[in-house]
Amino acid sequence: MTAVKTKIADYLTAHRYLRLGTVTGNSTPQVHTVGYVSEDCTVFFITDKKSRKAENIFANPAVAYAADENYDDIMFILGVQMEGTASLVTLETEVLKIFDRMTQKFTGLEQMPPNQDLVIFKIEPDRAYFLDNNVAFGRRHCVKF
């Protein structure tokens, strides 16, 4: 893994939420906040299969997201901007593994009542940008996957 991909993977591991961009059937962009877990530069999230984000992904799997935090000083912003493809995780062993990781990361998730409509999506990266204003304002390192 390149140094930039390692920075992206480490950043994703250290954070909890991202803002996911999807597109509706009539080409309207929508943004959704989702909690996630990551494996290298791939992220996974749980949602209801009838949610707007799921409906959008089923119609168009191209997505983008940003993961960052609220920095007080603009000169210290770090973050990840990602373009990728979302797909449904269907392999039961992978679903169980990801759900277990989600319950470890997010308090209370294990107490949710059973819901057969919950699904897990995987976002595999196509292109990523690691934002690093510590180097210079507006500095972005681009990598392709």
Protein backbone atom coordinates (compact mmCIF):
# COMPACT_ATOMS: atom_id res chain seq x y z
CA MET A 1 0.00 0.00 0.00
CA THR A 2 1.34 3.46 -0.88
CA ALA A 3 2.01 6.05 1.82
CA VAL A 4 -1.10 8.04 0.85
CA LYS A 5 -3.32 4.94 0.90
CA THR A 6 -1.91 4.11 4.35
CA LYS A 7 -2.76 7.65 5.57
CA ILE A 8 -6.29 7.25 4.20
CA ALA A 9 -6.74 3.81 5.81
CA ASP A 10 -5.43 5.10 9.16
CA TYR A 11 -7.68 8.16 9.01
CA LEU A 12 -10.75 6.07 8.23
CA THR A 13 -9.96 3.69 11.10
CA ALA A 14 -9.68 6.59 13.54
CA HIS A 15 -13.04 8.16 12.66
CA ARG A 16 -16.69 7.11 12.96
CA TYR A 17 -18.86 9.06 10.53
CA LEU A 18 -18.78 10.17 6.93
CA ARG A 19 -21.06 12.13 4.66
CA LEU A 20 -22.14 9.91 1.80
CA GLY A 21 -23.20 11.39 -1.52
CA THR A 22 -25.68 9.47 -3.66
CA VAL A 23 -27.82 10.39 -6.66
CA THR A 24 -31.58 9.90 -6.94
CA GLY A 25 -33.30 8.38 -9.95
CA ASN A 26 -34.02 11.89 -11.28
CA SER A 27 -30.34 12.92 -10.86
CA THR A 28 -30.77 14.94 -7.68
CA PRO A 29 -27.74 14.66 -5.38
CA GLN A 30 -28.36 13.71 -1.74
CA VAL A 31 -26.00 13.58 1.22
CA HIS A 32 -26.39 11.19 4.14
CA THR A 33 -24.46 10.91 7.39
CA VAL A 34 -23.50 7.29 8.10
CA GLY A 35 -21.52 5.50 10.76
CA TYR A 36 -19.04 3.07 9.27
CA VAL A 37 -16.25 0.60 9.81
CA SER A 38 -13.35 0.27 7.44
CA GLU A 39 -10.94 -2.32 6.17
CA ASP A 40 -7.95 -0.65 4.54
CA CYS A 41 -9.61 1.94 2.25
CA THR A 42 -12.95 0.11 1.91
CA VAL A 43 -15.83 1.21 4.14
CA PHE A 44 -18.96 -0.63 5.25
CA PHE A 45 -22.20 0.75 6.67
CA ILE A 46 -25.60 -0.54 7.77
CA THR A 47 -28.90 0.93 6.63
CA ASP A 48 -32.50 -0.01 6.02
CA LYS A 49 -32.96 -1.38 2.50
CA LYS A 50 -35.90 1.03 2.08
CA SER A 51 -33.87 4.12 3.04
CA ARG A 52 -33.25 6.85 0.47
CA LYS A 53 -29.53 6.07 0.34
CA ALA A 54 -30.19 2.37 -0.29
CA GLU A 55 -32.76 3.11 -3.00
CA ASN A 56 -30.31 5.52 -4.63
CA ILE A 57 -27.45 3.00 -4.51
CA PHE A 58 -29.62 0.21 -5.94
CA ALA A 59 -30.38 2.53 -8.88
CA ASN A 60 -26.86 3.96 -9.24
CA PRO A 61 -23.93 2.44 -7.31
CA ALA A 62 -21.58 5.38 -7.99
CA VAL A 63 -21.06 7.23 -4.69
CA ALA A 64 -18.73 9.75 -3.09
CA TYR A 65 -18.04 10.61 0.52
CA ALA A 66 -16.09 12.88 2.80
CA ALA A 67 -14.72 11.94 6.21
CA ASP A 68 -13.33 14.69 8.39
CA GLU A 69 -14.05 16.49 11.63
CA ASN A 70 -14.75 19.99 12.91
CA TYR A 71 -11.37 21.70 13.00
CA ASP A 72 -11.13 25.05 14.78
CA ASP A 73 -8.11 26.13 12.72
CA ILE A 74 -8.56 25.81 8.96
CA MET A 75 -4.80 25.42 8.53
CA PHE A 76 -4.89 22.03 10.31
CA ILE A 77 -7.69 20.34 8.37
CA LEU A 78 -7.15 16.68 7.55
CA GLY A 79 -9.70 14.52 5.78
CA VAL A 80 -10.59 12.02 3.12
CA GLN A 81 -12.61 12.59 -0.04
CA MET A 82 -13.49 9.36 -1.83
CA GLU A 83 -15.14 8.37 -5.08
CA GLY A 84 -16.21 4.77 -5.34
CA THR A 85 -18.73 2.07 -6.05
CA ALA A 86 -21.20 0.75 -3.48
CA SER A 87 -22.43 -2.82 -3.43
CA LEU A 88 -24.57 -4.94 -1.18
CA VAL A 89 -22.72 -7.36 1.10
CA THR A 90 -24.50 -10.70 0.74
CA LEU A 91 -22.06 -13.33 2.00
CA GLU A 92 -23.39 -14.29 5.44
CA THR A 93 -19.96 -14.74 7.04
CA GLU A 94 -18.94 -11.25 5.86
CA VAL A 95 -22.26 -9.75 7.05
CA LEU A 96 -21.77 -11.26 10.52
CA LYS A 97 -18.15 -10.10 10.71
CA ILE A 98 -19.03 -6.53 9.71
CA PHE A 99 -22.02 -6.37 12.04
CA ASP A 100 -19.79 -7.56 14.91
CA ARG A 101 -17.27 -4.83 14.11
CA MET A 102 -20.07 -2.24 13.97
CA THR A 103 -21.40 -3.28 17.39
CA GLN A 104 -17.89 -2.93 18.84
CA LYS A 105 -17.51 0.57 17.39
CA PHE A 106 -21.02 1.94 18.06
CA THR A 107 -22.57 1.68 21.51
CA GLY A 108 -26.19 0.52 21.54
CA LEU A 109 -26.21 -1.07 18.10
CA GLU A 110 -26.37 -4.55 19.61
CA GLN A 111 -29.55 -3.53 21.48
CA MET A 112 -31.48 -2.70 18.32
CA PRO A 113 -34.49 -4.92 17.81
CA PRO A 114 -34.15 -7.47 14.98
CA ASN A 115 -34.89 -5.93 11.61
CA GLN A 116 -34.94 -8.04 8.46
CA ASP A 117 -34.75 -4.89 6.35
CA LEU A 118 -31.23 -3.97 7.49
CA VAL A 119 -28.54 -4.36 4.84
CA ILE A 120 -24.81 -3.74 4.73
CA PHE A 121 -23.17 -1.86 1.90
CA LYS A 122 -19.52 -1.90 0.98
CA ILE A 123 -17.91 1.08 -0.75
CA GLU A 124 -14.86 0.14 -2.76
CA PRO A 125 -12.70 3.12 -3.70
CA ASP A 126 -11.96 4.22 -7.24
CA ARG A 127 -10.18 7.50 -6.51
CA ALA A 128 -9.31 9.16 -3.22
CA TYR A 129 -7.95 12.44 -1.98
CA PHE A 130 -6.22 12.87 1.36
CA LEU A 131 -6.61 16.50 2.45
CA ASP A 132 -3.69 17.82 4.48
CA ASN A 133 -3.66 21.52 5.26
CA ASN A 134 -0.74 20.83 7.63
CA VAL A 135 1.42 20.69 4.47
CA ALA A 136 -0.21 23.65 2.70
CA PHE A 137 -3.67 25.18 2.48
CA GLY A 138 -5.75 23.15 0.03
CA ARG A 139 -3.14 20.39 -0.25
CA ARG A 140 -4.67 17.15 -1.60
CA HIS A 141 -2.84 13.92 -2.34
CA CYS A 142 -4.69 11.93 -5.03
CA VAL A 143 -4.54 8.16 -5.43
CA LYS A 144 -6.35 5.82 -7.80
CA PHE A 145 -7.29 2.26 -6.92
